[in-house]
Protein backbone atom coordinates (compact mmCIF):
# COMPACT_ATOMS: atom_id res chain seq x y z
CA UNK A 1 84.89 37.63 133.84
CA UNK A 2 86.76 40.52 134.34
CA UNK A 3 86.73 42.89 137.41
CA UNK A 4 83.53 45.11 137.26
CA UNK A 5 81.67 43.28 135.05
CA UNK A 6 77.75 42.37 134.84
CA UNK A 7 77.47 39.11 132.25
CA UNK A 8 74.09 37.64 131.23
CA UNK A 9 70.48 37.50 129.36
CA UNK A 10 67.79 35.27 129.15
CA UNK A 11 69.27 33.47 125.55
CA UNK A 12 69.89 29.45 125.14
CA UNK A 13 73.29 29.03 126.54
CA UNK A 14 75.74 26.60 127.24
CA UNK A 15 79.16 28.15 128.71
CA UNK A 16 81.64 27.98 131.58
CA UNK A 17 83.15 30.55 133.82
CA UNK A 18 86.06 31.22 135.97
CA UNK A 19 86.12 33.97 138.52
CA UNK A 20 88.16 34.39 141.97
CA UNK A 21 87.32 31.43 144.01
CA UNK A 22 84.86 29.97 141.57
CA UNK A 23 84.55 27.92 138.85
CA UNK A 24 81.01 27.93 136.88
CA UNK A 25 79.17 26.18 134.41
CA UNK A 26 75.66 27.15 133.16
CA UNK A 27 73.46 25.65 130.72
CA UNK A 28 70.18 27.46 129.55
CA UNK A 29 67.46 26.89 127.13
CA UNK A 30 63.98 28.65 126.01
CA UNK A 31 60.44 26.76 125.96
CA UNK A 32 59.90 24.60 122.90
CA UNK A 33 64.13 25.14 122.02
CA UNK A 34 63.23 29.15 121.24
CA UNK A 35 65.48 31.96 120.78
CA UNK A 36 64.84 33.38 124.41
CA UNK A 37 62.61 32.74 127.21
CA UNK A 38 61.74 33.91 130.86
CA UNK A 39 64.61 32.69 132.90
CA UNK A 40 67.12 35.43 133.04
CA UNK A 41 70.59 34.65 134.63
CA UNK A 42 73.25 36.95 135.56
CA UNK A 43 77.27 37.09 136.96
CA UNK A 44 79.08 39.73 138.18
CA UNK A 45 82.17 40.63 139.58
CA UNK A 46 83.21 43.32 141.74
CA UNK A 47 86.16 45.96 141.02
CA UNK A 48 88.59 43.92 142.71
CA UNK A 49 87.32 40.30 141.85
CA UNK A 50 86.55 39.61 145.60
CA UNK A 51 82.99 39.68 145.38
CA UNK A 52 80.86 37.41 142.59
CA UNK A 53 77.24 37.60 142.71
CA UNK A 54 74.88 35.16 140.85
CA UNK A 55 71.14 35.83 139.92
CA UNK A 56 68.76 33.34 138.75
CA UNK A 57 65.38 34.47 137.74
CA UNK A 58 62.37 32.98 136.64
CA UNK A 59 59.93 35.71 135.07
CA UNK A 60 56.39 34.98 134.43
CA UNK A 61 55.41 35.32 130.44
CA UNK A 62 57.84 35.83 127.70
CA UNK A 63 58.70 38.16 125.11
CA UNK A 64 59.51 42.24 125.48
CA UNK A 65 58.26 41.84 128.91
CA UNK A 66 60.80 39.75 130.02
CA UNK A 67 63.56 41.69 128.44
CA UNK A 68 62.18 45.16 130.00
CA UNK A 69 62.39 43.07 133.73
CA UNK A 70 65.62 42.04 132.86
CA UNK A 71 67.23 45.37 131.85
CA UNK A 72 65.61 46.42 135.81
CA UNK A 73 67.29 43.66 137.06
CA UNK A 74 70.77 44.32 135.22
CA UNK A 75 70.57 47.84 136.37
CA UNK A 76 70.05 46.67 140.00
CA UNK A 77 73.18 44.17 139.48
CA UNK A 78 75.49 47.10 138.17
CA UNK A 79 74.37 49.02 141.31
CA UNK A 80 75.30 46.91 143.74
CA UNK A 81 78.31 45.19 142.04
CA UNK A 82 80.51 46.34 145.18
CA UNK A 83 77.93 45.51 147.72
CA UNK A 84 78.83 42.32 149.61
CA UNK A 85 75.41 42.23 151.48
CA UNK A 86 72.77 41.02 149.25
CA UNK A 87 69.55 41.52 151.33
CA UNK A 88 69.14 45.14 150.29
CA UNK A 89 69.83 43.96 146.42
CA UNK A 90 67.01 41.58 147.21
CA UNK A 91 64.74 44.31 148.51
CA UNK A 92 64.97 46.56 145.58
CA UNK A 93 64.44 43.55 143.15
CA UNK A 94 60.86 42.90 144.89
CA UNK A 95 60.36 47.08 144.72
CA UNK A 96 61.20 46.87 140.96
CA UNK A 97 58.63 44.07 140.23
CA UNK A 98 55.91 45.42 142.73
CA UNK A 99 55.94 48.91 141.14
CA UNK A 100 56.00 47.57 137.35
CA UNK A 101 53.58 48.54 134.88
CA UNK A 102 52.10 44.90 134.96
CA UNK A 103 50.89 43.93 138.29
CA UNK A 104 50.95 40.20 136.50
CA UNK A 105 54.38 39.75 136.19
CA UNK A 106 56.35 38.47 139.05
CA UNK A 107 59.32 36.54 139.20
CA UNK A 108 61.01 33.43 141.41
CA UNK A 109 64.61 34.30 142.14
CA UNK A 110 67.44 32.90 143.89
CA UNK A 111 70.56 35.20 144.71
CA UNK A 112 73.82 34.19 145.57
CA UNK A 113 76.89 36.41 146.79
CA UNK A 114 80.51 34.92 147.10
CA UNK A 115 83.13 36.47 148.79
CA UNK A 116 86.69 34.86 147.80
CA UNK A 117 88.77 36.11 150.86
CA UNK A 118 86.64 34.52 153.30
CA UNK A 119 85.20 32.10 151.06
CA UNK A 120 81.72 32.68 152.28
CA UNK A 121 78.32 32.45 150.32
CA UNK A 122 74.91 34.07 151.12
CA UNK A 123 71.67 32.94 149.65
CA UNK A 124 68.39 34.66 149.45
CA UNK A 125 65.65 32.95 147.94
CA UNK A 126 62.44 34.28 146.44
CA UNK A 127 60.14 31.53 146.15
CA UNK A 128 62.66 29.46 143.97
CA UNK A 129 63.39 25.68 144.05
CA UNK A 130 66.19 25.46 146.50
CA UNK A 131 69.77 25.22 146.14
CA UNK A 132 71.76 21.73 146.50
CA UNK A 133 75.24 21.62 148.11
CA UNK A 134 77.91 18.86 147.56
CA UNK A 135 80.43 18.91 150.57
CA UNK A 136 83.42 17.53 149.48
CA UNK A 137 84.65 16.38 152.88
CA UNK A 138 81.91 14.21 153.40
CA UNK A 139 81.13 13.34 149.69
CA UNK A 140 77.65 14.17 149.91
CA UNK A 141 74.79 16.59 148.65
CA UNK A 142 72.68 18.26 151.15
CA UNK A 143 69.81 20.71 150.54
CA UNK A 144 69.78 24.41 151.24
CA UNK A 145 67.11 24.44 153.27
CA UNK A 146 68.93 22.39 155.85
CA UNK A 147 70.97 25.95 156.27
CA UNK A 148 70.25 27.99 159.89
CA UNK A 149 69.27 31.80 158.30
CA UNK A 150 71.19 34.07 159.72
CA UNK A 151 68.75 36.66 159.25
CA UNK A 152 65.21 35.83 158.98
CA UNK A 153 62.94 37.92 156.89
CA UNK A 154 60.27 39.50 159.25
CA UNK A 155 56.64 38.93 158.52
CA UNK A 156 55.80 38.10 155.09
CA UNK A 157 59.18 36.43 153.94
CA UNK A 158 60.65 34.88 150.69
CA UNK A 159 57.64 35.18 148.43
CA UNK A 160 58.39 35.39 144.61
CA UNK A 161 59.46 39.10 143.45
CA UNK A 162 56.37 41.22 142.87
CA UNK A 163 53.52 39.59 144.94
CA UNK A 164 53.52 42.03 148.10
CA UNK A 165 55.77 45.32 148.47
CA UNK A 166 55.75 43.68 152.13
CA UNK A 167 57.88 41.01 151.42
CA UNK A 168 61.19 40.67 153.47
CA UNK A 169 63.84 38.16 152.40
CA UNK A 170 65.89 35.98 154.71
CA UNK A 171 69.61 35.49 154.51
CA UNK A 172 71.48 31.84 154.58
CA UNK A 173 75.25 31.52 154.87
CA UNK A 174 77.77 29.09 154.41
CA UNK A 175 81.38 28.41 153.93
CA UNK A 176 82.54 26.58 150.48
CA UNK A 177 85.69 24.80 151.06
CA UNK A 178 87.90 23.79 148.04
CA UNK A 179 86.18 20.77 145.83
CA UNK A 180 82.40 22.00 147.39
CA UNK A 181 79.80 22.14 144.62
CA UNK A 182 76.39 24.05 144.50
CA UNK A 183 73.44 23.42 142.20
CA UNK A 184 71.00 25.87 141.19
CA UNK A 185 67.95 25.59 138.76
CA UNK A 186 64.76 26.69 137.68
CA UNK A 187 61.54 25.01 138.27
CA UNK A 188 61.80 23.09 135.19
CA UNK A 189 63.70 20.62 136.75
CA UNK A 190 61.76 20.19 139.97
CA UNK A 191 58.37 20.29 137.85
CA UNK A 192 59.97 17.47 135.29
CA UNK A 193 58.01 14.66 135.55
CA UNK A 194 58.78 11.07 136.85
CA UNK A 195 57.24 8.12 134.91
CA UNK A 196 54.28 7.64 137.13
CA UNK A 197 53.29 11.43 136.38
CA UNK A 198 54.41 12.92 139.52
CA UNK A 199 56.51 16.03 139.48
CA UNK A 200 60.50 15.36 140.40
CA UNK A 201 60.37 17.80 143.25
CA UNK A 202 63.52 18.83 144.84
CA UNK A 203 63.83 15.69 146.59
CA UNK A 204 64.03 13.63 143.32
CA UNK A 205 66.29 15.83 141.69
CA UNK A 206 68.46 15.16 145.00
CA UNK A 207 68.30 11.78 144.52
CA UNK A 208 69.59 12.20 141.00
CA UNK A 209 72.64 14.25 141.75
CA UNK A 210 73.62 11.69 144.54
CA UNK A 211 74.07 8.98 141.46
CA UNK A 212 76.55 11.66 139.47
CA UNK A 213 80.14 11.28 139.61
CA UNK A 214 81.35 14.60 140.79
CA UNK A 215 85.28 13.72 139.74
CA UNK A 216 84.58 15.45 136.68
CA UNK A 217 82.46 18.66 137.65
CA UNK A 218 82.35 20.06 133.78
CA UNK A 219 80.04 16.55 133.06
CA UNK A 220 77.55 16.89 135.90
CA UNK A 221 75.13 19.53 134.01
CA UNK A 222 74.97 17.31 131.14
CA UNK A 223 74.47 14.20 133.13
CA UNK A 224 71.75 15.77 135.25
CA UNK A 225 70.26 17.28 131.93
CA UNK A 226 70.35 13.71 130.44
CA UNK A 227 68.73 11.97 133.45
CA UNK A 228 65.98 14.12 134.05
CA UNK A 229 64.95 14.34 130.51
CA UNK A 230 64.84 10.74 129.95
CA UNK A 231 62.30 10.41 132.49
CA UNK A 232 59.53 12.18 130.12
CA UNK A 233 59.66 12.99 126.77
CA UNK A 234 58.63 16.70 127.45
CA UNK A 235 60.78 17.37 130.51
CA UNK A 236 63.44 20.28 130.02
CA UNK A 237 61.35 21.30 126.57
CA UNK A 238 58.04 22.51 127.78
CA UNK A 239 59.36 25.02 129.72
CA UNK A 240 62.41 27.39 129.88
CA UNK A 241 65.13 25.31 131.56
CA UNK A 242 68.17 26.94 133.38
CA UNK A 243 70.70 25.25 135.98
CA UNK A 244 74.05 26.86 136.88
CA UNK A 245 76.73 25.04 138.95
CA UNK A 246 79.50 26.37 140.67
CA UNK A 247 82.68 25.05 142.29
CA UNK A 248 84.90 26.50 144.65
CA UNK A 249 88.41 26.32 143.92
CA UNK A 250 90.18 27.84 146.86
CA UNK A 251 91.62 30.63 144.33
CA UNK A 252 91.90 34.18 145.05
CA UNK A 253 92.30 37.74 143.29
CA UNK A 254 95.93 38.71 142.28
CA UNK A 255 97.88 41.48 143.68
CA UNK A 256 96.98 43.17 140.33
CA UNK A 257 93.31 42.66 140.70
CA UNK A 258 93.28 44.50 144.25
CA UNK A 259 95.82 46.99 143.21
CA UNK A 260 93.66 48.38 140.05
CA UNK A 261 90.42 48.18 142.00
CA UNK A 262 90.23 51.70 142.76
CA UNK A 263 90.66 52.69 139.19
CA UNK A 264 88.28 50.36 138.27
CA UNK A 265 85.99 52.21 140.51
CA UNK A 266 86.41 55.33 138.50
CA UNK A 267 84.25 54.16 135.28
CA UNK A 268 80.88 51.99 135.26
CA UNK A 269 80.52 48.33 135.13
CA UNK A 270 81.21 47.24 131.95
CA UNK A 271 77.69 45.66 130.50
CA UNK A 272 77.98 42.28 128.98
CA UNK A 273 74.46 41.19 129.14
CA UNK A 274 72.02 40.90 126.18
CA UNK A 275 68.17 40.12 125.63
CA UNK A 276 65.92 38.84 123.15
């Protein structure tokens, strides 16, 4: 990805990326192996490459309504591309959904913002499946639920987007050391069925990833998909299914990227999004 760019969409994808401080892998498929779905994904990089924002949203419904919502989310990603704090961005997303023309449309969402100079990662979760974190120094996975919020949402907190205009959102922060991994998924993974007909849940997904070799990060998503799919023939086929994995690599923006940042601020962010 380039600095000052927003990339994403809602179509099936199997792609890897490299940004300052992170390597990323994304896999997304649509319901019934269709050409588009309700899972929307975005990645943005700021003018200097120091701020990377990741958004995974599961929008209720399919078709043109999703494309319209995705366009609004893209515009908010572009507006906030150079802002480190993401709480205001999540609140804006909620207002976008709540003020929409269709009151039945809502979305769960997980937003992550990585700031490479300090290797810090922020989470905001709007009713979405929780992320899983792999700590390289411990050699173990943990749930983002274990993180203590640095800012707790007031009143009605952390609801899906569009449920209430009074919703507020907590912010969680952690640091990523080189080799640490973060796995984000849509609910097709946590609602996948086990052989006894029960939902896999976040705990079940956690148990699956604990058994996967992390020495080859590019093989983790294919292995997760294989393990979840074989539990039941409908798993990851009867719903839109998206998984995003990223690994901290300790890299920093180049000197050239920092020097050119003021010039990039003079133009709008590059739009590398597509919807169907």
